[in-house]
């Protein structure tokens, strides 16, 4: 084979390679470089997903494991959080809606949101504490249940030891009221009275009198879902008792943290009267 023919053959091969690169540059880029040759190929993109959370270690209600088998009612111990609710009436059960008395409507229409007790760092009360943008922790014992709320690190006690309300309970109303409970099968039933009338039922401005009574029922729909059904009875503000239903989820691997309402507080001096719907 002559040198001229070899030269012609090599030239034809080079021309074909140029045409291939021009027609399909991606194919050329995918070709493997010669051993030892430098490469400018960009690095492969990596996933931007957050790394998985580490597996929590601790008690079953913290890790999400099944509770240990034990006789008696289900254990509600754990950190719980439900959605916030600015207007309690929106959680009413169909057929058991909230109906205001003329006096209750007058108070609701003219409530001054600048005087919201929560703004002044006062305790939220047993109804509103479960609807705030803070989780709650339930600690259950056979004779008492403690509800701790992250909001201002306040607490509520529900006695399960068979005692009744104190005889003078209405003479000494409390921010969280007086709560006595018992179990009906797998449902915790709580009777709460003597709630200080300075609390609001919600952020919307539904108030109540010192005659308010709350009949509460708590049960687990599954291991990590808590159903809360509450009937409110206050003849001063509501034509008839009304009932709400809300759900909370157990917060696996979470805890309640420190919260001080008065820490670095700068809002109160700037508040102006904000009446009724203007504050909703």
C-alpha atoms as a PDB file:
ATOM      1  CA  UNK A   1       0.000   0.000   0.000  1.00  0.00           C
ATOM      2  CA  UNK A   2       1.500   3.337  -1.071  1.00  0.00           C
ATOM      3  CA  UNK A   3       2.235   6.206   1.317  1.00  0.00           C
ATOM      4  CA  UNK A   4      -0.031   8.457  -0.713  1.00  0.00           C
ATOM      5  CA  UNK A   5      -2.975   6.093  -0.177  1.00  0.00           C
ATOM      6  CA  UNK A   6      -2.323   5.924   3.563  1.00  0.00           C
ATOM      7  CA  UNK A   7      -2.187   9.695   3.740  1.00  0.00           C
ATOM      8  CA  UNK A   8      -5.464   9.974   1.814  1.00  0.00           C
ATOM      9  CA  UNK A   9      -7.107   7.377   4.108  1.00  0.00           C
ATOM     10  CA  UNK A  10      -6.029   9.227   7.293  1.00  0.00           C
ATOM     11  CA  UNK A  11      -7.315  12.512   5.876  1.00  0.00           C
ATOM     12  CA  UNK A  12     -10.683  10.957   5.112  1.00  0.00           C
ATOM     13  CA  UNK A  13     -10.925   9.602   8.695  1.00  0.00           C
ATOM     14  CA  UNK A  14     -10.113  12.998  10.228  1.00  0.00           C
ATOM     15  CA  UNK A  15     -12.719  14.708   8.054  1.00  0.00           C
ATOM     16  CA  UNK A  16     -15.338  12.178   9.098  1.00  0.00           C
ATOM     17  CA  UNK A  17     -14.550  12.828  12.786  1.00  0.00           C
ATOM     18  CA  UNK A  18     -14.934  16.595  12.300  1.00  0.00           C
ATOM     19  CA  UNK A  19     -18.295  16.082  10.625  1.00  0.00           C
ATOM     20  CA  UNK A  20     -19.397  13.774  13.471  1.00  0.00           C
ATOM     21  CA  UNK A  21     -18.461  16.340  16.124  1.00  0.00           C
ATOM     22  CA  UNK A  22     -20.243  19.116  14.260  1.00  0.00           C
ATOM     23  CA  UNK A  23     -23.402  17.027  13.929  1.00  0.00           C
ATOM     24  CA  UNK A  24     -23.413  15.632  17.468  1.00  0.00           C
ATOM     25  CA  UNK A  25     -21.160  17.501  19.922  1.00  0.00           C
ATOM     26  CA  UNK A  26     -22.665  15.612  22.887  1.00  0.00           C
ATOM     27  CA  UNK A  27     -21.394  12.349  21.427  1.00  0.00           C
ATOM     28  CA  UNK A  28     -17.913  13.787  21.204  1.00  0.00           C
ATOM     29  CA  UNK A  29     -18.063  14.956  24.814  1.00  0.00           C
ATOM     30  CA  UNK A  30     -19.083  11.494  25.946  1.00  0.00           C
ATOM     31  CA  UNK A  31     -16.014   9.932  24.387  1.00  0.00           C
ATOM     32  CA  UNK A  32     -13.506   8.727  26.918  1.00  0.00           C
ATOM     33  CA  UNK A  33     -10.300  10.779  26.994  1.00  0.00           C
ATOM     34  CA  UNK A  34      -7.032   9.075  26.363  1.00  0.00           C
ATOM     35  CA  UNK A  35      -5.235   7.753  29.429  1.00  0.00           C
ATOM     36  CA  UNK A  36      -3.449  10.586  31.182  1.00  0.00           C
ATOM     37  CA  UNK A  37      -5.218  13.296  29.163  1.00  0.00           C
ATOM     38  CA  UNK A  38      -6.709  16.305  31.001  1.00  0.00           C
ATOM     39  CA  UNK A  39     -10.490  16.650  31.053  1.00  0.00           C
ATOM     40  CA  UNK A  40     -12.810  19.665  31.557  1.00  0.00           C
ATOM     41  CA  UNK A  41     -15.973  17.619  32.034  1.00  0.00           C
ATOM     42  CA  UNK A  42     -18.213  19.346  34.659  1.00  0.00           C
ATOM     43  CA  UNK A  43     -18.882  17.455  37.897  1.00  0.00           C
ATOM     44  CA  UNK A  44     -22.070  15.442  38.176  1.00  0.00           C
ATOM     45  CA  UNK A  45     -24.840  17.408  39.936  1.00  0.00           C
ATOM     46  CA  UNK A  46     -25.669  16.180  43.427  1.00  0.00           C
ATOM     47  CA  UNK A  47     -29.114  15.981  45.043  1.00  0.00           C
ATOM     48  CA  UNK A  48     -30.057  19.047  47.102  1.00  0.00           C
ATOM     49  CA  UNK A  49     -32.373  17.133  49.394  1.00  0.00           C
ATOM     50  CA  UNK A  50     -31.779  17.662  53.089  1.00  0.00           C
ATOM     51  CA  UNK A  51     -29.993  14.782  54.778  1.00  0.00           C
ATOM     52  CA  UNK A  52     -32.263  12.411  56.692  1.00  0.00           C
ATOM     53  CA  UNK A  53     -32.910  13.290  60.308  1.00  0.00           C
ATOM     54  CA  UNK A  54     -31.048  11.096  62.754  1.00  0.00           C
ATOM     55  CA  UNK A  55     -33.092   8.391  64.438  1.00  0.00           C
ATOM     56  CA  UNK A  56     -34.207   9.674  67.862  1.00  0.00           C
ATOM     57  CA  UNK A  57     -33.266   7.703  70.946  1.00  0.00           C
ATOM     58  CA  UNK A  58     -35.286   7.761  74.145  1.00  0.00           C
ATOM     59  CA  UNK A  59     -38.759   6.884  75.413  1.00  0.00           C
ATOM     60  CA  UNK A  60     -41.271   5.259  73.039  1.00  0.00           C
ATOM     61  CA  UNK A  61     -43.324   8.455  72.725  1.00  0.00           C
ATOM     62  CA  UNK A  62     -40.171  10.305  71.645  1.00  0.00           C
ATOM     63  CA  UNK A  63     -38.901   7.724  69.183  1.00  0.00           C
ATOM     64  CA  UNK A  64     -42.276   6.844  67.680  1.00  0.00           C
ATOM     65  CA  UNK A  65     -42.077   3.201  68.727  1.00  0.00           C
ATOM     66  CA  UNK A  66     -45.131   1.290  69.882  1.00  0.00           C
ATOM     67  CA  UNK A  67     -45.897   1.813  73.578  1.00  0.00           C
ATOM     68  CA  UNK A  68     -45.189  -1.131  75.841  1.00  0.00           C
ATOM     69  CA  UNK A  69     -48.128  -3.448  76.362  1.00  0.00           C
ATOM     70  CA  UNK A  70     -49.838  -2.644  79.647  1.00  0.00           C
ATOM     71  CA  UNK A  71     -53.311  -3.036  81.131  1.00  0.00           C
ATOM     72  CA  UNK A  72     -55.524  -0.001  81.429  1.00  0.00           C
ATOM     73  CA  UNK A  73     -56.248   2.980  79.177  1.00  0.00           C
ATOM     74  CA  UNK A  74     -53.990   4.096  76.324  1.00  0.00           C
ATOM     75  CA  UNK A  75     -51.064   6.331  77.208  1.00  0.00           C
ATOM     76  CA  UNK A  76     -51.392   9.888  75.861  1.00  0.00           C
ATOM     77  CA  UNK A  77     -47.902  10.878  76.979  1.00  0.00           C
ATOM     78  CA  UNK A  78     -45.952  12.835  74.368  1.00  0.00           C
ATOM     79  CA  UNK A  79     -45.598  16.146  72.568  1.00  0.00           C
ATOM     80  CA  UNK A  80     -48.699  17.111  70.564  1.00  0.00           C
ATOM     81  CA  UNK A  81     -49.496  19.826  68.061  1.00  0.00           C
ATOM     82  CA  UNK A  82     -52.666  20.626  66.134  1.00  0.00           C
ATOM     83  CA  UNK A  83     -53.310  23.342  63.640  1.00  0.00           C
ATOM     84  CA  UNK A  84     -53.866  26.835  64.996  1.00  0.00           C
ATOM     85  CA  UNK A  85     -57.391  28.205  65.060  1.00  0.00           C
ATOM     86  CA  UNK A  86     -58.225  31.874  65.140  1.00  0.00           C
ATOM     87  CA  UNK A  87     -61.991  31.257  65.285  1.00  0.00           C
ATOM     88  CA  UNK A  88     -63.280  28.428  67.476  1.00  0.00           C
ATOM     89  CA  UNK A  89     -66.692  28.470  65.788  1.00  0.00           C
ATOM     90  CA  UNK A  90     -65.102  27.117  62.582  1.00  0.00           C
ATOM     91  CA  UNK A  91     -64.309  23.863  64.383  1.00  0.00           C
ATOM     92  CA  UNK A  92     -67.933  23.269  65.406  1.00  0.00           C
ATOM     93  CA  UNK A  93     -69.460  19.855  64.746  1.00  0.00           C
ATOM     94  CA  UNK A  94     -72.339  19.995  62.206  1.00  0.00           C
ATOM     95  CA  UNK A  95     -75.632  20.370  64.056  1.00  0.00           C
ATOM     96  CA  UNK A  96     -73.869  21.644  67.186  1.00  0.00           C
ATOM     97  CA  UNK A  97     -72.715  25.059  65.997  1.00  0.00           C
ATOM     98  CA  UNK A  98     -72.019  28.116  68.124  1.00  0.00           C
ATOM     99  CA  UNK A  99     -74.966  30.519  68.529  1.00  0.00           C
ATOM    100  CA  UNK A 100     -74.339  33.730  70.427  1.00  0.00           C
ATOM    101  CA  UNK A 101     -76.838  35.295  72.800  1.00  0.00           C
ATOM    102  CA  UNK A 102     -77.658  38.980  72.108  1.00  0.00           C
ATOM    103  CA  UNK A 103     -75.216  39.879  74.872  1.00  0.00           C
ATOM    104  CA  UNK A 104     -72.584  37.501  73.491  1.00  0.00           C
ATOM    105  CA  UNK A 105     -72.945  38.978  70.003  1.00  0.00           C
ATOM    106  CA  UNK A 106     -72.657  42.515  71.340  1.00  0.00           C
ATOM    107  CA  UNK A 107     -69.453  41.574  73.138  1.00  0.00           C
ATOM    108  CA  UNK A 108     -68.056  39.801  70.084  1.00  0.00           C
ATOM    109  CA  UNK A 109     -68.888  42.666  67.713  1.00  0.00           C
ATOM    110  CA  UNK A 110     -67.251  45.195  69.998  1.00  0.00           C
ATOM    111  CA  UNK A 111     -64.339  43.235  71.415  1.00  0.00           C
ATOM    112  CA  UNK A 112     -61.120  45.255  71.539  1.00  0.00           C
ATOM    113  CA  UNK A 113     -58.283  43.124  70.152  1.00  0.00           C
ATOM    114  CA  UNK A 114     -55.788  45.474  71.739  1.00  0.00           C
ATOM    115  CA  UNK A 115     -56.951  43.987  75.049  1.00  0.00           C
ATOM    116  CA  UNK A 116     -56.404  40.365  74.066  1.00  0.00           C
ATOM    117  CA  UNK A 117     -55.192  38.760  77.327  1.00  0.00           C
ATOM    118  CA  UNK A 118     -52.583  36.788  75.406  1.00  0.00           C
ATOM    119  CA  UNK A 119     -51.045  40.069  74.269  1.00  0.00           C
ATOM    120  CA  UNK A 120     -50.508  40.921  77.907  1.00  0.00           C
ATOM    121  CA  UNK A 121     -48.824  37.558  78.513  1.00  0.00           C
ATOM    122  CA  UNK A 122     -51.668  36.151  80.602  1.00  0.00           C
ATOM    123  CA  UNK A 123     -52.387  32.393  80.580  1.00  0.00           C
ATOM    124  CA  UNK A 124     -54.393  31.215  77.575  1.00  0.00           C
ATOM    125  CA  UNK A 125     -56.929  29.083  79.440  1.00  0.00           C
ATOM    126  CA  UNK A 126     -57.781  25.405  78.860  1.00  0.00           C
ATOM    127  CA  UNK A 127     -59.487  25.933  75.492  1.00  0.00           C
ATOM    128  CA  UNK A 128     -57.116  28.318  73.780  1.00  0.00           C
ATOM    129  CA  UNK A 129     -53.911  26.660  74.971  1.00  0.00           C
ATOM    130  CA  UNK A 130     -54.631  23.758  72.599  1.00  0.00           C
ATOM    131  CA  UNK A 131     -55.081  26.052  69.588  1.00  0.00           C
ATOM    132  CA  UNK A 132     -51.973  28.227  69.764  1.00  0.00           C
ATOM    133  CA  UNK A 133     -48.876  28.077  67.571  1.00  0.00           C
ATOM    134  CA  UNK A 134     -47.025  26.218  70.311  1.00  0.00           C
ATOM    135  CA  UNK A 135     -46.914  22.480  70.995  1.00  0.00           C
ATOM    136  CA  UNK A 136     -48.166  20.932  74.214  1.00  0.00           C
ATOM    137  CA  UNK A 137     -46.796  18.010  76.175  1.00  0.00           C
ATOM    138  CA  UNK A 138     -49.026  15.534  77.995  1.00  0.00           C
ATOM    139  CA  UNK A 139     -47.630  13.565  80.906  1.00  0.00           C
ATOM    140  CA  UNK A 140     -49.965  10.781  82.030  1.00  0.00           C
ATOM    141  CA  UNK A 141     -50.082   9.006  85.359  1.00  0.00           C
ATOM    142  CA  UNK A 142     -52.859   6.820  86.733  1.00  0.00           C
ATOM    143  CA  UNK A 143     -53.982   9.525  89.182  1.00  0.00           C
ATOM    144  CA  UNK A 144     -53.283  12.757  87.297  1.00  0.00           C
ATOM    145  CA  UNK A 145     -52.570  14.115  83.818  1.00  0.00           C
ATOM    146  CA  UNK A 146     -50.359  17.157  83.372  1.00  0.00           C
ATOM    147  CA  UNK A 147     -50.636  19.288  80.213  1.00  0.00           C
ATOM    148  CA  UNK A 148     -47.591  21.487  79.692  1.00  0.00           C
ATOM    149  CA  UNK A 149     -47.745  24.172  77.036  1.00  0.00           C
ATOM    150  CA  UNK A 150     -44.713  25.754  75.436  1.00  0.00           C
ATOM    151  CA  UNK A 151     -46.583  29.061  75.507  1.00  0.00           C
ATOM    152  CA  UNK A 152     -45.178  30.829  78.567  1.00  0.00           C
ATOM    153  CA  UNK A 153     -44.324  27.411  80.057  1.00  0.00           C
ATOM    154  CA  UNK A 154     -47.730  27.211  81.735  1.00  0.00           C
ATOM    155  CA  UNK A 155     -49.481  24.015  82.788  1.00  0.00           C
ATOM    156  CA  UNK A 156     -52.831  22.399  83.449  1.00  0.00           C
ATOM    157  CA  UNK A 157     -53.737  19.586  85.881  1.00  0.00           C
ATOM    158  CA  UNK A 158     -56.463  16.982  85.291  1.00  0.00           C
ATOM    159  CA  UNK A 159     -57.074  14.842  88.364  1.00  0.00           C
ATOM    160  CA  UNK A 160     -58.022  11.190  87.834  1.00  0.00           C
ATOM    161  CA  UNK A 161     -58.076   9.996  91.440  1.00  0.00           C
ATOM    162  CA  UNK A 162     -61.846  10.190  91.932  1.00  0.00           C
ATOM    163  CA  UNK A 163     -61.950  13.494  93.770  1.00  0.00           C
ATOM    164  CA  UNK A 164     -64.642  16.025  92.937  1.00  0.00           C
ATOM    165  CA  UNK A 165     -64.356  19.758  92.428  1.00  0.00           C
ATOM    166  CA  UNK A 166     -63.622  21.657  95.671  1.00  0.00           C
ATOM    167  CA  UNK A 167     -66.709  22.974  97.423  1.00  0.00           C
ATOM    168  CA  UNK A 168     -65.438  26.530  97.099  1.00  0.00           C
ATOM    169  CA  UNK A 169     -64.253  26.118  93.499  1.00  0.00           C
ATOM    170  CA  UNK A 170     -66.433  28.967  92.193  1.00  0.00           C
ATOM    171  CA  UNK A 171     -65.019  31.340  94.798  1.00  0.00           C
ATOM    172  CA  UNK A 172     -61.524  30.870  93.397  1.00  0.00           C
ATOM    173  CA  UNK A 173     -61.668  30.668  89.577  1.00  0.00           C
ATOM    174  CA  UNK A 174     -58.393  29.771  87.913  1.00  0.00           C
ATOM    175  CA  UNK A 175     -56.839  30.556  84.538  1.00  0.00           C
ATOM    176  CA  UNK A 176     -56.985  26.848  83.641  1.00  0.00           C
ATOM    177  CA  UNK A 177     -60.092  26.093  85.673  1.00  0.00           C
ATOM    178  CA  UNK A 178     -60.692  23.039  87.847  1.00  0.00           C
ATOM    179  CA  UNK A 179     -60.497  19.790  85.866  1.00  0.00           C
ATOM    180  CA  UNK A 180     -61.599  16.317  87.004  1.00  0.00           C
ATOM    181  CA  UNK A 181     -61.326  13.348  84.682  1.00  0.00           C
ATOM    182  CA  UNK A 182     -62.013   9.662  84.330  1.00  0.00           C
ATOM    183  CA  UNK A 183     -61.709   6.998  81.661  1.00  0.00           C
ATOM    184  CA  UNK A 184     -64.630   5.571  79.726  1.00  0.00           C
ATOM    185  CA  UNK A 185     -62.932   2.688  77.980  1.00  0.00           C
ATOM    186  CA  UNK A 186     -60.255   4.243  75.749  1.00  0.00           C
ATOM    187  CA  UNK A 187     -61.696   7.775  76.022  1.00  0.00           C
ATOM    188  CA  UNK A 188     -60.515  10.327  78.571  1.00  0.00           C
ATOM    189  CA  UNK A 189     -63.519  12.331  79.823  1.00  0.00           C
ATOM    190  CA  UNK A 190     -62.823  15.654  81.569  1.00  0.00           C
ATOM    191  CA  UNK A 191     -65.178  18.058  83.368  1.00  0.00           C
ATOM    192  CA  UNK A 192     -63.771  21.598  83.694  1.00  0.00           C
ATOM    193  CA  UNK A 193     -65.377  24.465  85.627  1.00  0.00           C
ATOM    194  CA  UNK A 194     -64.400  27.675  87.443  1.00  0.00           C
ATOM    195  CA  UNK A 195     -62.461  29.140  84.512  1.00  0.00           C
ATOM    196  CA  UNK A 196     -61.406  32.734  85.036  1.00  0.00           C
ATOM    197  CA  UNK A 197     -63.552  34.916  82.771  1.00  0.00           C
ATOM    198  CA  UNK A 198     -60.576  37.021  81.705  1.00  0.00           C
ATOM    199  CA  UNK A 199     -59.507  34.301  79.273  1.00  0.00           C
ATOM    200  CA  UNK A 200     -60.648  34.248  75.650  1.00  0.00           C
ATOM    201  CA  UNK A 201     -61.728  31.073  73.885  1.00  0.00           C
ATOM    202  CA  UNK A 202     -59.853  31.990  70.707  1.00  0.00           C
ATOM    203  CA  UNK A 203     -57.900  34.722  68.920  1.00  0.00           C
ATOM    204  CA  UNK A 204     -61.051  35.892  67.121  1.00  0.00           C
ATOM    205  CA  UNK A 205     -62.329  37.317  70.407  1.00  0.00           C
ATOM    206  CA  UNK A 206     -64.973  34.897  71.672  1.00  0.00           C
ATOM    207  CA  UNK A 207     -65.237  35.574  75.377  1.00  0.00           C
ATOM    208  CA  UNK A 208     -67.077  33.737  78.136  1.00  0.00           C
ATOM    209  CA  UNK A 209     -68.467  34.248  81.618  1.00  0.00           C
ATOM    210  CA  UNK A 210     -67.567  32.601  84.905  1.00  0.00           C
ATOM    211  CA  UNK A 211     -70.430  30.162  84.242  1.00  0.00           C
ATOM    212  CA  UNK A 212     -68.543  28.421  81.440  1.00  0.00           C
ATOM    213  CA  UNK A 213     -68.335  24.629  81.688  1.00  0.00           C
ATOM    214  CA  UNK A 214     -66.294  22.441  79.379  1.00  0.00           C
ATOM    215  CA  UNK A 215     -67.041  18.747  78.786  1.00  0.00           C
ATOM    216  CA  UNK A 216     -63.985  17.277  77.060  1.00  0.00           C
ATOM    217  CA  UNK A 217     -63.397  13.889  75.424  1.00  0.00           C
ATOM    218  CA  UNK A 218     -59.956  12.754  74.243  1.00  0.00           C
ATOM    219  CA  UNK A 219     -59.174   9.535  72.382  1.00  0.00           C
ATOM    220  CA  UNK A 220     -56.503   8.166  70.083  1.00  0.00           C
ATOM    221  CA  UNK A 221     -57.603   7.563  66.490  1.00  0.00           C
ATOM    222  CA  UNK A 222     -54.263   5.860  65.926  1.00  0.00           C
ATOM    223  CA  UNK A 223     -50.996   5.750  67.807  1.00  0.00           C
ATOM    224  CA  UNK A 224     -50.036   9.317  66.866  1.00  0.00           C
ATOM    225  CA  UNK A 225     -53.382  11.076  66.263  1.00  0.00           C
ATOM    226  CA  UNK A 226     -55.369  12.549  69.144  1.00  0.00           C
ATOM    227  CA  UNK A 227     -59.032  13.511  68.724  1.00  0.00           C
ATOM    228  CA  UNK A 228     -60.296  16.306  70.987  1.00  0.00           C
ATOM    229  CA  UNK A 229     -64.068  16.827  71.211  1.00  0.00           C
ATOM    230  CA  UNK A 230     -65.167  19.639  73.539  1.00  0.00           C
ATOM    231  CA  UNK A 231     -68.646  20.887  74.440  1.00  0.00           C
ATOM    232  CA  UNK A 232     -68.865  24.473  75.726  1.00  0.00           C
ATOM    233  CA  UNK A 233     -71.790  25.484  77.918  1.00  0.00           C
ATOM    234  CA  UNK A 234     -72.173  29.125  78.956  1.00  0.00           C
ATOM    235  CA  UNK A 235     -75.753  30.511  79.016  1.00  0.00           C
ATOM    236  CA  UNK A 236     -74.484  34.076  79.303  1.00  0.00           C
ATOM    237  CA  UNK A 237     -72.655  34.081  75.952  1.00  0.00           C
ATOM    238  CA  UNK A 238     -74.173  31.142  74.020  1.00  0.00           C
ATOM    239  CA  UNK A 239     -77.808  30.280  73.334  1.00  0.00           C
ATOM    240  CA  UNK A 240     -77.099  26.569  73.770  1.00  0.00           C
ATOM    241  CA  UNK A 241     -74.048  24.345  74.258  1.00  0.00           C
ATOM    242  CA  UNK A 242     -71.895  23.917  71.164  1.00  0.00           C
ATOM    243  CA  UNK A 243     -69.315  21.266  70.351  1.00  0.00           C
ATOM    244  CA  UNK A 244     -65.998  21.421  68.509  1.00  0.00           C
ATOM    245  CA  UNK A 245     -63.734  18.706  67.155  1.00  0.00           C
ATOM    246  CA  UNK A 246     -60.016  19.070  66.566  1.00  0.00           C
ATOM    247  CA  UNK A 247     -57.101  16.734  65.887  1.00  0.00           C
ATOM    248  CA  UNK A 248     -53.506  16.838  67.118  1.00  0.00           C
ATOM    249  CA  UNK A 249     -50.488  14.859  65.955  1.00  0.00           C
ATOM    250  CA  UNK A 250     -47.815  13.391  68.186  1.00  0.00           C
ATOM    251  CA  UNK A 251     -44.521  15.164  67.429  1.00  0.00           C
ATOM    252  CA  UNK A 252     -41.964  12.369  67.144  1.00  0.00           C
ATOM    253  CA  UNK A 253     -38.446  13.405  68.182  1.00  0.00           C
ATOM    254  CA  UNK A 254     -39.619  16.841  69.326  1.00  0.00           C
ATOM    255  CA  UNK A 255     -39.839  18.642  72.659  1.00  0.00           C
ATOM    256  CA  UNK A 256     -41.436  21.757  74.098  1.00  0.00           C
ATOM    257  CA  UNK A 257     -38.998  24.626  74.357  1.00  0.00           C
ATOM    258  CA  UNK A 258     -38.611  27.735  76.433  1.00  0.00           C
ATOM    259  CA  UNK A 259     -40.917  30.691  75.745  1.00  0.00           C
ATOM    260  CA  UNK A 260     -41.202  33.877  77.744  1.00  0.00           C
ATOM    261  CA  UNK A 261     -43.869  36.263  76.513  1.00  0.00           C
ATOM    262  CA  UNK A 262     -42.346  39.246  78.299  1.00  0.00           C
ATOM    263  CA  UNK A 263     -38.825  38.695  77.001  1.00  0.00           C
ATOM    264  CA  UNK A 264     -37.933  41.624  74.742  1.00  0.00           C
ATOM    265  CA  UNK A 265     -41.615  42.694  74.641  1.00  0.00           C
ATOM    266  CA  UNK A 266     -42.079  45.976  72.738  1.00  0.00           C
ATOM    267  CA  UNK A 267     -45.645  45.850  71.388  1.00  0.00           C
ATOM    268  CA  UNK A 268     -47.968  46.778  74.248  1.00  0.00           C
ATOM    269  CA  UNK A 269     -47.067  50.485  74.337  1.00  0.00           C
ATOM    270  CA  UNK A 270     -47.915  50.745  70.613  1.00  0.00           C
ATOM    271  CA  UNK A 271     -51.345  49.091  70.746  1.00  0.00           C
ATOM    272  CA  UNK A 272     -54.390  51.129  69.786  1.00  0.00           C
ATOM    273  CA  UNK A 273     -58.082  50.178  70.106  1.00  0.00           C
ATOM    274  CA  UNK A 274     -58.968  47.682  67.366  1.00  0.00           C
ATOM    275  CA  UNK A 275     -62.668  46.834  67.507  1.00  0.00           C
ATOM    276  CA  UNK A 276     -64.476  43.747  66.212  1.00  0.00           C
ATOM    277  CA  UNK A 277     -63.843  42.732  62.630  1.00  0.00           C
ATOM    278  CA  UNK A 278     -61.042  45.279  62.263  1.00  0.00           C
ATOM    279  CA  UNK A 279     -58.851  42.937  64.274  1.00  0.00           C
ATOM    280  CA  UNK A 280     -59.836  39.696  62.550  1.00  0.00           C
END
